[in-house]
N, C-alpha and C. Protein backbone atom coordinates (compact mmCIF):
# COMPACT_ATOMS: atom_id res chain seq x y z
N UNK A 1 215.32 7.61 113.93
CA UNK A 1 214.89 7.13 115.25
C UNK A 1 214.57 5.64 115.20
N UNK A 2 215.03 4.90 116.17
CA UNK A 2 214.78 3.46 116.20
C UNK A 2 213.33 3.17 116.55
N UNK A 3 212.92 1.88 116.33
CA UNK A 3 211.55 1.49 116.67
C UNK A 3 211.28 1.68 118.14
N UNK A 4 212.28 1.35 118.96
CA UNK A 4 212.11 1.53 120.42
C UNK A 4 211.95 3.01 120.77
N UNK A 5 212.71 3.86 120.09
CA UNK A 5 212.61 5.30 120.35
C UNK A 5 211.25 5.84 119.95
N UNK A 6 210.70 5.33 118.84
CA UNK A 6 209.37 5.77 118.41
C UNK A 6 208.31 5.36 119.42
N UNK A 7 208.46 4.16 119.97
CA UNK A 7 207.50 3.70 120.97
C UNK A 7 207.55 4.59 122.21
N UNK A 8 208.74 4.92 122.65
CA UNK A 8 208.88 5.77 123.84
C UNK A 8 208.29 7.15 123.58
N UNK A 9 208.55 7.69 122.39
CA UNK A 9 208.02 9.01 122.04
C UNK A 9 206.49 8.99 122.01
N UNK A 10 205.93 7.94 121.41
CA UNK A 10 204.47 7.80 121.33
C UNK A 10 203.88 7.67 122.72
N UNK A 11 204.53 6.87 123.58
CA UNK A 11 204.04 6.68 124.94
C UNK A 11 204.09 8.00 125.72
N UNK A 12 205.17 8.75 125.57
CA UNK A 12 205.29 10.03 126.28
C UNK A 12 204.22 11.01 125.81
N UNK A 13 203.94 11.00 124.51
CA UNK A 13 202.90 11.89 123.98
C UNK A 13 201.54 11.54 124.55
N UNK A 14 201.22 10.24 124.63
CA UNK A 14 199.93 9.83 125.19
C UNK A 14 199.83 10.17 126.67
N UNK A 15 200.91 9.92 127.40
CA UNK A 15 200.89 10.23 128.84
C UNK A 15 200.77 11.74 129.06
N UNK A 16 201.48 12.52 128.23
CA UNK A 16 201.38 13.97 128.35
C UNK A 16 199.96 14.46 128.08
N UNK A 17 199.34 13.92 127.05
CA UNK A 17 197.96 14.31 126.74
C UNK A 17 197.02 13.91 127.86
N UNK A 18 197.23 12.73 128.42
CA UNK A 18 196.37 12.28 129.52
C UNK A 18 196.51 13.19 130.74
N UNK A 19 197.74 13.57 131.06
CA UNK A 19 197.98 14.47 132.21
C UNK A 19 197.30 15.81 131.97
N UNK A 20 197.38 16.32 130.74
CA UNK A 20 196.75 17.60 130.44
C UNK A 20 195.24 17.53 130.66
N UNK A 21 194.63 16.47 130.16
CA UNK A 21 193.18 16.32 130.31
C UNK A 21 192.79 16.22 131.78
N UNK A 22 193.51 15.38 132.52
CA UNK A 22 193.17 15.14 133.92
C UNK A 22 193.35 16.39 134.77
N UNK A 23 194.41 17.15 134.51
CA UNK A 23 194.73 18.30 135.35
C UNK A 23 194.02 19.58 134.93
N UNK A 24 193.73 19.71 133.64
CA UNK A 24 193.19 20.97 133.15
C UNK A 24 191.67 20.99 133.06
N UNK A 25 191.06 19.84 132.82
CA UNK A 25 189.60 19.83 132.71
C UNK A 25 188.97 19.79 134.09
N UNK A 26 188.04 20.67 134.37
CA UNK A 26 187.34 20.63 135.66
C UNK A 26 186.57 19.33 135.82
N UNK A 27 186.48 18.81 137.06
CA UNK A 27 185.72 17.57 137.28
C UNK A 27 184.27 17.73 136.83
N UNK A 28 183.77 16.71 136.15
CA UNK A 28 182.38 16.73 135.72
C UNK A 28 182.09 17.56 134.50
N UNK A 29 183.15 18.03 133.80
CA UNK A 29 182.92 18.89 132.64
C UNK A 29 182.27 18.11 131.50
N UNK A 30 182.75 16.89 131.26
CA UNK A 30 182.23 16.09 130.15
C UNK A 30 181.01 15.30 130.58
N UNK A 31 180.03 16.01 131.13
CA UNK A 31 178.76 15.40 131.49
C UNK A 31 177.64 16.17 130.80
N UNK A 32 176.52 15.51 130.63
CA UNK A 32 175.40 16.14 129.94
C UNK A 32 174.92 17.38 130.68
N UNK A 33 174.81 17.30 132.00
CA UNK A 33 174.33 18.44 132.79
C UNK A 33 175.25 19.64 132.68
N UNK A 34 176.56 19.39 132.72
CA UNK A 34 177.52 20.49 132.64
C UNK A 34 177.45 21.19 131.29
N UNK A 35 177.35 20.42 130.22
CA UNK A 35 177.27 21.03 128.90
C UNK A 35 175.97 21.80 128.71
N UNK A 36 174.89 21.31 129.29
CA UNK A 36 173.63 22.05 129.19
C UNK A 36 173.71 23.39 129.91
N UNK A 37 174.41 23.41 131.04
CA UNK A 37 174.56 24.65 131.80
C UNK A 37 175.39 25.67 131.03
N UNK A 38 176.47 25.20 130.38
CA UNK A 38 177.40 26.10 129.68
C UNK A 38 177.12 26.22 128.19
N UNK A 39 176.00 25.68 127.75
CA UNK A 39 175.71 25.64 126.32
C UNK A 39 175.71 27.02 125.69
N UNK A 40 175.03 27.97 126.27
CA UNK A 40 174.92 29.29 125.67
C UNK A 40 176.26 30.00 125.62
N UNK A 41 177.05 29.87 126.68
CA UNK A 41 178.37 30.50 126.69
C UNK A 41 179.27 29.90 125.61
N UNK A 42 179.21 28.59 125.45
CA UNK A 42 180.01 27.94 124.42
C UNK A 42 179.54 28.35 123.02
N UNK A 43 178.23 28.47 122.85
CA UNK A 43 177.68 28.87 121.56
C UNK A 43 178.12 30.30 121.21
N UNK A 44 178.11 31.19 122.19
CA UNK A 44 178.57 32.57 121.96
C UNK A 44 180.04 32.59 121.54
N UNK A 45 180.85 31.76 122.18
CA UNK A 45 182.27 31.70 121.84
C UNK A 45 182.47 31.18 120.41
N UNK A 46 181.68 30.18 120.04
CA UNK A 46 181.79 29.62 118.68
C UNK A 46 181.40 30.66 117.63
N UNK A 47 180.44 31.49 117.93
CA UNK A 47 180.02 32.52 116.98
C UNK A 47 181.08 33.61 116.84
N UNK A 48 181.82 33.87 117.92
CA UNK A 48 182.86 34.89 117.89
C UNK A 48 184.14 34.38 117.21
N UNK A 49 184.47 33.10 117.42
CA UNK A 49 185.71 32.54 116.87
C UNK A 49 185.41 31.15 116.29
N UNK A 50 184.74 31.08 115.14
CA UNK A 50 184.30 29.78 114.62
C UNK A 50 185.44 28.82 114.28
N UNK A 51 186.50 29.31 113.62
CA UNK A 51 187.59 28.42 113.23
C UNK A 51 188.36 27.91 114.45
N UNK A 52 188.65 28.82 115.38
CA UNK A 52 189.36 28.42 116.59
C UNK A 52 188.52 27.44 117.41
N UNK A 53 187.23 27.68 117.48
CA UNK A 53 186.34 26.79 118.22
C UNK A 53 186.32 25.40 117.60
N UNK A 54 186.24 25.34 116.26
CA UNK A 54 186.23 24.05 115.58
C UNK A 54 187.54 23.30 115.81
N UNK A 55 188.66 24.03 115.77
CA UNK A 55 189.96 23.39 115.98
C UNK A 55 190.09 22.86 117.40
N UNK A 56 189.65 23.63 118.38
CA UNK A 56 189.71 23.18 119.77
C UNK A 56 188.80 21.98 120.01
N UNK A 57 187.61 22.01 119.42
CA UNK A 57 186.68 20.89 119.55
C UNK A 57 187.28 19.63 118.94
N UNK A 58 187.87 19.77 117.75
CA UNK A 58 188.48 18.63 117.06
C UNK A 58 189.60 18.03 117.91
N UNK A 59 190.47 18.88 118.43
CA UNK A 59 191.60 18.40 119.23
C UNK A 59 191.12 17.71 120.51
N UNK A 60 190.12 18.31 121.17
CA UNK A 60 189.59 17.71 122.39
C UNK A 60 188.96 16.36 122.11
N UNK A 61 188.25 16.25 121.00
CA UNK A 61 187.58 14.99 120.65
C UNK A 61 188.61 13.90 120.35
N UNK A 62 189.67 14.26 119.63
CA UNK A 62 190.72 13.29 119.33
C UNK A 62 191.36 12.78 120.63
N UNK A 63 191.67 13.68 121.55
CA UNK A 63 192.31 13.27 122.81
C UNK A 63 191.39 12.39 123.64
N UNK A 64 190.13 12.78 123.76
CA UNK A 64 189.18 11.99 124.55
C UNK A 64 189.04 10.59 123.98
N UNK A 65 188.96 10.49 122.64
CA UNK A 65 188.81 9.18 122.01
C UNK A 65 190.09 8.35 122.09
N UNK A 66 191.21 8.98 121.83
CA UNK A 66 192.49 8.26 121.84
C UNK A 66 192.82 7.72 123.22
N UNK A 67 192.46 8.46 124.27
CA UNK A 67 192.78 8.06 125.63
C UNK A 67 191.65 7.30 126.31
N UNK A 68 190.57 7.04 125.56
CA UNK A 68 189.41 6.31 126.09
C UNK A 68 188.84 6.98 127.33
N UNK A 69 188.84 8.31 127.34
CA UNK A 69 188.25 9.07 128.45
C UNK A 69 186.74 9.12 128.25
N UNK A 70 185.94 8.78 129.26
CA UNK A 70 184.48 8.84 129.11
C UNK A 70 184.03 10.26 128.74
N UNK A 71 183.14 10.37 127.78
CA UNK A 71 182.63 11.68 127.41
C UNK A 71 182.50 11.91 125.92
N UNK A 72 182.89 10.92 125.10
CA UNK A 72 182.81 11.11 123.65
C UNK A 72 181.36 11.30 123.19
N UNK A 73 180.43 10.56 123.78
CA UNK A 73 179.03 10.69 123.40
C UNK A 73 178.51 12.09 123.70
N UNK A 74 178.89 12.62 124.86
CA UNK A 74 178.46 13.96 125.24
C UNK A 74 179.09 15.00 124.32
N UNK A 75 180.35 14.80 123.96
CA UNK A 75 181.02 15.71 123.04
C UNK A 75 180.34 15.69 121.66
N UNK A 76 179.86 14.53 121.25
CA UNK A 76 179.16 14.45 119.98
C UNK A 76 177.87 15.25 120.02
N UNK A 77 177.14 15.15 121.12
CA UNK A 77 175.94 15.99 121.31
C UNK A 77 176.31 17.47 121.21
N UNK A 78 177.40 17.83 121.88
CA UNK A 78 177.83 19.22 121.87
C UNK A 78 178.19 19.68 120.47
N UNK A 79 178.82 18.80 119.69
CA UNK A 79 179.17 19.15 118.32
C UNK A 79 177.94 19.50 117.49
N UNK A 80 176.85 18.75 117.67
CA UNK A 80 175.62 19.07 116.97
C UNK A 80 175.01 20.37 117.44
N UNK A 81 175.10 20.63 118.75
CA UNK A 81 174.51 21.84 119.31
C UNK A 81 175.27 23.09 118.89
N UNK A 82 176.60 22.99 118.75
CA UNK A 82 177.42 24.17 118.47
C UNK A 82 177.65 24.42 116.98
N UNK A 83 177.81 23.34 116.21
CA UNK A 83 178.23 23.51 114.81
C UNK A 83 177.17 23.12 113.79
N UNK A 84 176.08 22.51 114.25
CA UNK A 84 175.07 22.05 113.31
C UNK A 84 175.38 20.65 112.81
N UNK A 85 174.47 20.09 112.02
CA UNK A 85 174.59 18.69 111.62
C UNK A 85 175.75 18.44 110.67
N UNK A 86 175.81 19.15 109.54
CA UNK A 86 176.82 18.81 108.53
C UNK A 86 178.24 19.18 108.94
N UNK A 87 178.48 20.39 109.47
CA UNK A 87 179.83 20.66 109.98
C UNK A 87 180.19 19.73 111.16
N UNK A 88 179.18 19.40 111.97
CA UNK A 88 179.42 18.48 113.08
C UNK A 88 179.82 17.10 112.60
N UNK A 89 179.16 16.63 111.53
CA UNK A 89 179.51 15.32 110.96
C UNK A 89 180.96 15.33 110.50
N UNK A 90 181.38 16.38 109.82
CA UNK A 90 182.75 16.47 109.34
C UNK A 90 183.75 16.45 110.49
N UNK A 91 183.49 17.24 111.52
CA UNK A 91 184.41 17.31 112.67
C UNK A 91 184.44 15.99 113.44
N UNK A 92 183.28 15.49 113.80
CA UNK A 92 183.20 14.30 114.65
C UNK A 92 183.68 13.06 113.92
N UNK A 93 183.33 12.93 112.64
CA UNK A 93 183.71 11.74 111.90
C UNK A 93 185.22 11.59 111.83
N UNK A 94 185.92 12.66 111.47
CA UNK A 94 187.37 12.56 111.33
C UNK A 94 188.07 12.57 112.69
N UNK A 95 187.55 13.32 113.66
CA UNK A 95 188.17 13.35 114.98
C UNK A 95 188.03 12.00 115.67
N UNK A 96 186.86 11.40 115.60
CA UNK A 96 186.65 10.10 116.24
C UNK A 96 187.49 9.01 115.58
N UNK A 97 187.61 9.06 114.26
CA UNK A 97 188.40 8.05 113.56
C UNK A 97 189.89 8.22 113.85
N UNK A 98 190.36 9.45 113.88
CA UNK A 98 191.77 9.69 114.23
C UNK A 98 192.06 9.24 115.65
N UNK A 99 191.17 9.57 116.59
CA UNK A 99 191.37 9.15 117.97
C UNK A 99 191.34 7.64 118.12
N UNK A 100 190.39 6.99 117.43
CA UNK A 100 190.30 5.53 117.48
C UNK A 100 191.54 4.88 116.89
N UNK A 101 192.07 5.46 115.81
CA UNK A 101 193.28 4.90 115.19
C UNK A 101 194.48 5.06 116.11
N UNK A 102 194.60 6.20 116.79
CA UNK A 102 195.69 6.39 117.74
C UNK A 102 195.58 5.39 118.90
N UNK A 103 194.35 5.15 119.36
CA UNK A 103 194.15 4.17 120.44
C UNK A 103 194.52 2.77 119.96
N UNK A 104 194.17 2.44 118.73
CA UNK A 104 194.53 1.14 118.18
C UNK A 104 196.05 0.99 118.07
N UNK A 105 196.73 2.04 117.61
CA UNK A 105 198.18 1.99 117.48
C UNK A 105 198.86 1.87 118.85
N UNK A 106 198.29 2.55 119.86
CA UNK A 106 198.83 2.41 121.21
C UNK A 106 198.70 0.98 121.70
N UNK A 107 197.56 0.37 121.41
CA UNK A 107 197.37 -1.03 121.78
C UNK A 107 198.35 -1.94 121.05
N UNK A 108 198.56 -1.66 119.77
CA UNK A 108 199.42 -2.52 118.94
C UNK A 108 200.88 -2.43 119.33
N UNK A 109 201.36 -1.23 119.61
CA UNK A 109 202.80 -1.04 119.80
C UNK A 109 203.22 -0.88 121.27
N UNK A 110 202.25 -0.59 122.15
CA UNK A 110 202.63 -0.33 123.54
C UNK A 110 201.94 -1.27 124.53
N UNK A 111 200.72 -1.70 124.24
CA UNK A 111 199.92 -2.42 125.23
C UNK A 111 199.59 -3.85 124.79
N UNK A 112 200.27 -4.37 123.79
CA UNK A 112 199.91 -5.66 123.21
C UNK A 112 199.83 -6.77 124.26
N UNK A 113 200.87 -6.92 125.07
CA UNK A 113 200.90 -8.01 126.07
C UNK A 113 199.79 -7.85 127.10
N UNK A 114 199.58 -6.59 127.55
CA UNK A 114 198.54 -6.35 128.57
C UNK A 114 197.16 -6.64 128.01
N UNK A 115 196.89 -6.20 126.77
CA UNK A 115 195.58 -6.43 126.15
C UNK A 115 195.33 -7.92 125.98
N UNK A 116 196.34 -8.67 125.55
CA UNK A 116 196.17 -10.10 125.35
C UNK A 116 195.87 -10.82 126.66
N UNK A 117 196.49 -10.37 127.75
CA UNK A 117 196.23 -10.99 129.06
C UNK A 117 194.88 -10.55 129.62
N UNK A 118 194.59 -9.26 129.55
CA UNK A 118 193.40 -8.71 130.18
C UNK A 118 192.13 -9.12 129.46
N UNK A 119 192.18 -9.23 128.14
CA UNK A 119 190.98 -9.53 127.35
C UNK A 119 191.17 -10.81 126.55
N UNK A 120 191.64 -11.84 127.19
CA UNK A 120 191.95 -13.10 126.49
C UNK A 120 190.71 -13.68 125.80
N UNK A 121 189.56 -13.70 126.50
CA UNK A 121 188.34 -14.25 125.92
C UNK A 121 187.86 -13.46 124.72
N UNK A 122 187.59 -12.15 124.88
CA UNK A 122 187.16 -11.36 123.72
C UNK A 122 188.20 -11.34 122.60
N UNK A 123 189.49 -11.39 122.98
CA UNK A 123 190.54 -11.38 121.97
C UNK A 123 190.44 -12.59 121.05
N UNK A 124 190.15 -13.73 121.63
CA UNK A 124 190.00 -14.95 120.83
C UNK A 124 188.82 -14.82 119.87
N UNK A 125 187.71 -14.25 120.36
CA UNK A 125 186.52 -14.07 119.51
C UNK A 125 186.80 -13.11 118.37
N UNK A 126 187.45 -11.98 118.68
CA UNK A 126 187.73 -10.98 117.66
C UNK A 126 188.72 -11.52 116.63
N UNK A 127 189.74 -12.23 117.08
CA UNK A 127 190.71 -12.79 116.14
C UNK A 127 190.04 -13.76 115.16
N UNK A 128 189.15 -14.58 115.69
CA UNK A 128 188.43 -15.52 114.83
C UNK A 128 187.56 -14.77 113.82
N UNK A 129 186.86 -13.72 114.31
CA UNK A 129 186.00 -12.95 113.42
C UNK A 129 186.78 -12.23 112.34
N UNK A 130 187.92 -11.65 112.70
CA UNK A 130 188.75 -10.96 111.72
C UNK A 130 189.33 -11.95 110.72
N UNK A 131 189.74 -13.13 111.19
CA UNK A 131 190.29 -14.14 110.29
C UNK A 131 189.25 -14.59 109.26
N UNK A 132 187.99 -14.68 109.70
CA UNK A 132 186.94 -15.16 108.80
C UNK A 132 186.41 -14.05 107.89
N UNK A 133 186.17 -12.87 108.48
CA UNK A 133 185.42 -11.84 107.74
C UNK A 133 186.17 -10.52 107.59
N UNK A 134 187.31 -10.36 108.24
CA UNK A 134 188.12 -9.16 108.07
C UNK A 134 187.38 -7.87 108.36
N UNK A 135 187.35 -6.98 107.33
CA UNK A 135 186.75 -5.66 107.49
C UNK A 135 185.27 -5.73 107.80
N UNK A 136 184.57 -6.77 107.30
CA UNK A 136 183.14 -6.90 107.58
C UNK A 136 182.90 -7.03 109.09
N UNK A 137 183.77 -7.78 109.75
CA UNK A 137 183.61 -8.00 111.19
C UNK A 137 183.84 -6.71 111.97
N UNK A 138 184.88 -5.96 111.62
CA UNK A 138 185.13 -4.68 112.28
C UNK A 138 183.97 -3.72 112.04
N UNK A 139 183.45 -3.69 110.83
CA UNK A 139 182.31 -2.82 110.51
C UNK A 139 181.11 -3.17 111.38
N UNK A 140 180.86 -4.45 111.57
CA UNK A 140 179.74 -4.88 112.41
C UNK A 140 179.94 -4.45 113.84
N UNK A 141 181.15 -4.60 114.37
CA UNK A 141 181.42 -4.19 115.75
C UNK A 141 181.23 -2.69 115.93
N UNK A 142 181.64 -1.91 114.93
CA UNK A 142 181.51 -0.46 115.02
C UNK A 142 180.05 -0.02 115.04
N UNK A 143 179.20 -0.75 114.35
CA UNK A 143 177.80 -0.35 114.27
C UNK A 143 177.01 -0.72 115.53
N UNK A 144 177.48 -1.72 116.28
CA UNK A 144 176.71 -2.22 117.42
C UNK A 144 176.98 -1.37 118.67
N UNK A 145 175.98 -0.61 119.14
CA UNK A 145 176.19 0.23 120.33
C UNK A 145 176.48 -0.58 121.59
N UNK A 146 176.13 -1.87 121.59
CA UNK A 146 176.33 -2.69 122.78
C UNK A 146 177.80 -3.06 122.98
N UNK A 147 178.62 -2.89 121.94
CA UNK A 147 180.03 -3.24 122.04
C UNK A 147 180.83 -1.95 122.23
N UNK A 148 181.49 -1.75 123.39
CA UNK A 148 182.18 -0.48 123.67
C UNK A 148 183.25 -0.17 122.62
N UNK A 149 183.27 1.07 122.15
CA UNK A 149 184.22 1.45 121.11
C UNK A 149 185.66 1.35 121.60
N UNK A 150 185.90 1.72 122.87
CA UNK A 150 187.27 1.68 123.37
C UNK A 150 187.81 0.26 123.36
N UNK A 151 186.93 -0.71 123.60
CA UNK A 151 187.36 -2.11 123.60
C UNK A 151 187.68 -2.57 122.17
N UNK A 152 186.90 -2.08 121.20
CA UNK A 152 187.20 -2.38 119.80
C UNK A 152 188.60 -1.88 119.44
N UNK A 153 188.92 -0.65 119.88
CA UNK A 153 190.24 -0.08 119.60
C UNK A 153 191.35 -0.93 120.17
N UNK A 154 191.19 -1.34 121.43
CA UNK A 154 192.22 -2.13 122.09
C UNK A 154 192.41 -3.48 121.43
N UNK A 155 191.30 -4.16 121.16
CA UNK A 155 191.38 -5.50 120.60
C UNK A 155 191.88 -5.48 119.16
N UNK A 156 191.47 -4.49 118.40
CA UNK A 156 191.90 -4.42 116.99
C UNK A 156 193.40 -4.20 116.88
N UNK A 157 193.99 -3.57 117.89
CA UNK A 157 195.43 -3.34 117.86
C UNK A 157 196.24 -4.61 117.90
N UNK A 158 195.67 -5.69 118.37
CA UNK A 158 196.39 -6.96 118.48
C UNK A 158 196.07 -7.89 117.31
N UNK A 159 195.21 -7.43 116.39
CA UNK A 159 194.88 -8.23 115.21
C UNK A 159 195.84 -7.88 114.07
N UNK A 160 195.60 -8.48 112.92
CA UNK A 160 196.44 -8.23 111.75
C UNK A 160 195.87 -7.15 110.83
N UNK A 161 194.82 -6.47 111.25
CA UNK A 161 194.22 -5.43 110.42
C UNK A 161 195.22 -4.31 110.15
N UNK A 162 195.32 -3.88 108.89
CA UNK A 162 196.18 -2.76 108.55
C UNK A 162 195.58 -1.43 108.99
N UNK A 163 196.43 -0.44 109.16
CA UNK A 163 195.97 0.87 109.66
C UNK A 163 195.01 1.52 108.67
N UNK A 164 195.32 1.45 107.39
CA UNK A 164 194.46 2.11 106.39
C UNK A 164 193.06 1.49 106.38
N UNK A 165 193.02 0.16 106.39
CA UNK A 165 191.71 -0.51 106.40
C UNK A 165 190.99 -0.20 107.70
N UNK A 166 191.68 -0.22 108.81
CA UNK A 166 191.07 0.09 110.10
C UNK A 166 190.46 1.49 110.08
N UNK A 167 191.16 2.44 109.46
CA UNK A 167 190.68 3.82 109.40
C UNK A 167 189.35 3.91 108.67
N UNK A 168 189.31 3.44 107.42
CA UNK A 168 188.10 3.69 106.62
C UNK A 168 186.91 2.85 107.09
N UNK A 169 187.18 1.63 107.58
CA UNK A 169 186.07 0.82 108.10
C UNK A 169 185.52 1.45 109.37
N UNK A 170 186.40 1.94 110.25
CA UNK A 170 185.95 2.58 111.48
C UNK A 170 185.15 3.84 111.18
N UNK A 171 185.65 4.63 110.23
CA UNK A 171 184.94 5.87 109.90
C UNK A 171 183.54 5.58 109.36
N UNK A 172 183.43 4.57 108.50
CA UNK A 172 182.11 4.22 107.96
C UNK A 172 181.22 3.62 109.03
N UNK A 173 181.78 2.77 109.90
CA UNK A 173 180.97 2.11 110.92
C UNK A 173 180.50 3.03 112.03
N UNK A 174 181.29 4.04 112.37
CA UNK A 174 180.91 4.95 113.46
C UNK A 174 180.02 6.09 112.98
N UNK A 175 179.93 6.30 111.67
CA UNK A 175 179.20 7.44 111.14
C UNK A 175 177.70 7.44 111.49
N UNK A 176 176.98 6.32 111.34
CA UNK A 176 175.54 6.35 111.65
C UNK A 176 175.24 6.76 113.10
N UNK A 177 175.99 6.20 114.04
CA UNK A 177 175.78 6.57 115.44
C UNK A 177 176.10 8.03 115.70
N UNK A 178 177.15 8.54 115.05
CA UNK A 178 177.50 9.95 115.21
C UNK A 178 176.39 10.85 114.70
N UNK A 179 175.79 10.48 113.58
CA UNK A 179 174.70 11.29 113.01
C UNK A 179 173.52 11.34 113.97
N UNK A 180 173.20 10.20 114.62
CA UNK A 180 172.09 10.17 115.58
C UNK A 180 172.35 11.14 116.73
N UNK A 181 173.56 11.10 117.29
CA UNK A 181 173.88 11.98 118.42
C UNK A 181 173.97 13.44 117.98
N UNK A 182 174.56 13.69 116.83
CA UNK A 182 174.67 15.07 116.35
C UNK A 182 173.29 15.67 116.10
N UNK A 183 172.40 14.89 115.54
CA UNK A 183 171.05 15.37 115.30
C UNK A 183 170.33 15.67 116.61
N UNK A 184 170.57 14.80 117.62
CA UNK A 184 169.96 15.03 118.94
C UNK A 184 170.55 16.27 119.60
N UNK A 185 171.77 16.64 119.21
CA UNK A 185 172.40 17.82 119.81
C UNK A 185 171.66 19.11 119.54
N UNK A 186 170.82 19.14 118.50
CA UNK A 186 170.03 20.34 118.23
C UNK A 186 169.04 20.61 119.37
N UNK A 187 168.64 19.56 120.08
CA UNK A 187 167.73 19.71 121.22
C UNK A 187 168.46 19.38 122.52
N UNK A 188 169.69 19.90 122.65
CA UNK A 188 170.53 19.57 123.81
C UNK A 188 169.83 19.87 125.13
N UNK A 189 169.11 20.98 125.18
CA UNK A 189 168.46 21.35 126.43
C UNK A 189 167.31 20.43 126.81
N UNK A 190 166.79 19.66 125.84
CA UNK A 190 165.65 18.78 126.12
C UNK A 190 166.06 17.34 126.39
N UNK A 191 167.36 17.04 126.22
CA UNK A 191 167.84 15.67 126.44
C UNK A 191 168.14 15.49 127.92
N UNK A 192 167.37 14.63 128.57
CA UNK A 192 167.55 14.41 130.00
C UNK A 192 168.60 13.35 130.29
N UNK A 193 168.80 12.43 129.36
CA UNK A 193 169.74 11.34 129.56
C UNK A 193 170.17 10.82 128.20
N UNK A 194 171.38 10.24 128.15
CA UNK A 194 171.85 9.64 126.90
C UNK A 194 170.95 8.48 126.49
N UNK A 195 170.26 7.89 127.45
CA UNK A 195 169.32 6.80 127.12
C UNK A 195 168.15 7.30 126.29
N UNK A 196 167.86 8.62 126.38
CA UNK A 196 166.79 9.18 125.57
C UNK A 196 167.13 9.10 124.07
N UNK A 197 168.42 9.05 123.75
CA UNK A 197 168.85 9.06 122.36
C UNK A 197 168.89 7.64 121.81
N UNK A 198 169.59 6.76 122.51
CA UNK A 198 169.69 5.36 122.06
C UNK A 198 168.60 4.54 122.71
N UNK A 199 167.40 4.63 122.18
CA UNK A 199 166.29 3.84 122.67
C UNK A 199 166.51 2.38 122.28
N UNK A 200 165.79 1.43 122.91
CA UNK A 200 165.95 0.02 122.54
C UNK A 200 165.74 -0.22 121.05
N UNK A 201 164.80 0.50 120.44
CA UNK A 201 164.57 0.33 119.02
C UNK A 201 165.76 0.76 118.17
N UNK A 202 166.40 1.88 118.56
CA UNK A 202 167.58 2.35 117.83
C UNK A 202 168.73 1.38 117.99
N UNK A 203 168.94 0.90 119.22
CA UNK A 203 170.01 -0.07 119.47
C UNK A 203 169.79 -1.33 118.64
N UNK A 204 168.55 -1.81 118.58
CA UNK A 204 168.24 -3.01 117.81
C UNK A 204 168.50 -2.77 116.32
N UNK A 205 168.12 -1.58 115.84
CA UNK A 205 168.32 -1.27 114.42
C UNK A 205 169.80 -1.25 114.06
N UNK A 206 170.62 -0.63 114.91
CA UNK A 206 172.06 -0.59 114.66
C UNK A 206 172.67 -1.99 114.72
N UNK A 207 172.21 -2.80 115.69
CA UNK A 207 172.73 -4.16 115.80
C UNK A 207 172.39 -4.97 114.56
N UNK A 208 171.15 -4.83 114.10
CA UNK A 208 170.73 -5.53 112.90
C UNK A 208 171.54 -5.06 111.69
N UNK A 209 171.80 -3.77 111.61
CA UNK A 209 172.58 -3.22 110.52
C UNK A 209 174.02 -3.73 110.57
N UNK A 210 174.53 -3.92 111.80
CA UNK A 210 175.89 -4.43 111.95
C UNK A 210 176.01 -5.89 111.57
N UNK A 211 174.99 -6.68 111.89
CA UNK A 211 175.04 -8.11 111.59
C UNK A 211 174.82 -8.38 110.10
N UNK A 212 174.12 -7.48 109.43
CA UNK A 212 173.76 -7.70 108.02
C UNK A 212 174.96 -7.98 107.12
N UNK A 213 176.08 -7.21 107.21
CA UNK A 213 177.23 -7.54 106.35
C UNK A 213 177.78 -8.94 106.58
N UNK A 214 177.78 -9.39 107.85
CA UNK A 214 178.29 -10.72 108.15
C UNK A 214 177.38 -11.80 107.56
N UNK A 215 176.06 -11.58 107.67
CA UNK A 215 175.11 -12.54 107.10
C UNK A 215 175.25 -12.58 105.58
N UNK A 216 175.40 -11.39 104.97
CA UNK A 216 175.55 -11.33 103.52
C UNK A 216 176.81 -12.07 103.08
N UNK A 217 177.90 -11.86 103.78
CA UNK A 217 179.16 -12.54 103.44
C UNK A 217 179.01 -14.05 103.59
N UNK A 218 178.33 -14.48 104.65
CA UNK A 218 178.13 -15.92 104.88
C UNK A 218 177.29 -16.54 103.76
N UNK A 219 176.22 -15.81 103.35
CA UNK A 219 175.36 -16.32 102.28
C UNK A 219 176.11 -16.41 100.96
N UNK A 220 176.92 -15.39 100.66
CA UNK A 220 177.70 -15.41 99.42
C UNK A 220 178.68 -16.58 99.41
N UNK A 221 179.29 -16.84 100.59
CA UNK A 221 180.21 -17.96 100.69
C UNK A 221 179.49 -19.29 100.46
N UNK A 222 178.27 -19.38 100.99
CA UNK A 222 177.49 -20.62 100.81
C UNK A 222 177.08 -20.82 99.36
N UNK A 223 176.68 -19.70 98.71
CA UNK A 223 176.23 -19.81 97.33
C UNK A 223 177.39 -20.16 96.40
N UNK A 224 178.56 -19.57 96.67
CA UNK A 224 179.71 -19.78 95.78
C UNK A 224 180.45 -21.07 96.06
N UNK A 225 180.08 -21.78 97.14
CA UNK A 225 180.76 -23.03 97.47
C UNK A 225 180.40 -24.10 96.44
N UNK A 226 181.40 -24.82 95.90
CA UNK A 226 181.11 -25.85 94.90
C UNK A 226 180.22 -26.94 95.45
N UNK A 227 179.33 -27.44 94.64
CA UNK A 227 178.45 -28.53 95.08
C UNK A 227 179.25 -29.83 95.18
N UNK A 228 178.93 -30.66 96.17
CA UNK A 228 179.67 -31.92 96.33
C UNK A 228 179.38 -32.87 95.17
C-alpha cells in the first residue's frame, strides 16, 4: 500500500470511529452525573464479565482519547470505580497512551497543515521547547493539568519527536494524573465536580513537578558549560 493509501485508510478509520461514538453513545453519557447514576449497573456487569468489561473499557478509552472527545477524565474516574486502583492504572495508562499516540499520528500525517495554521503561536513555542529540551519538554507538558492533553497531541504531531519516544514520555507524564483520578474513583458517588479532584494545590504540585525536569536540565547545562 502506498503512503497516500495508508493516509486514506487511517483517515477512514478515524472517521468511522468518530461516527460510531457520535451515533451510538447516548447524549450526556460521558458526564459525571450520568456515570454516578449508572455506577451500580456497570459494576454488576463488570463482576459478571470482567474480561469483556475491561476490553470494552480499554477500547472506549482509546477512541475517546484518539478522537479528542470530552470525557477522558470521567472515564478515568469510572476506571477506578469499576476495576480498582492497580488494574485501573494498567488499563488507563496504556489506553490513554495508545489514544494519544493515534491522535499525534493523525496530526502528523493528516492534519499537519491545519494544525500549523490554527495553532501557529503555540506551535512556535512547542517547537522551540522540543528543540531545546526534547523529551523533557514533552514530559513537562504532560504533567501540567493547565495544558490540554488534546492540544499536546496535535502540536507534537508537527514536531520531530519520534513515535517511540513520544509513547514512553507520554505514558510516564500522564501516569501521576491518572493515579489521582483513579484513586478518586473509589469515592465516585461523593465527587460532586471534577474540580473537587484537581484542587489548586494539586494543580500547583503537578505544575511544579512538570517544570522541575526543565530546571534540572537548564542547571546541568549551565554547570557543564566551559568557563570563559
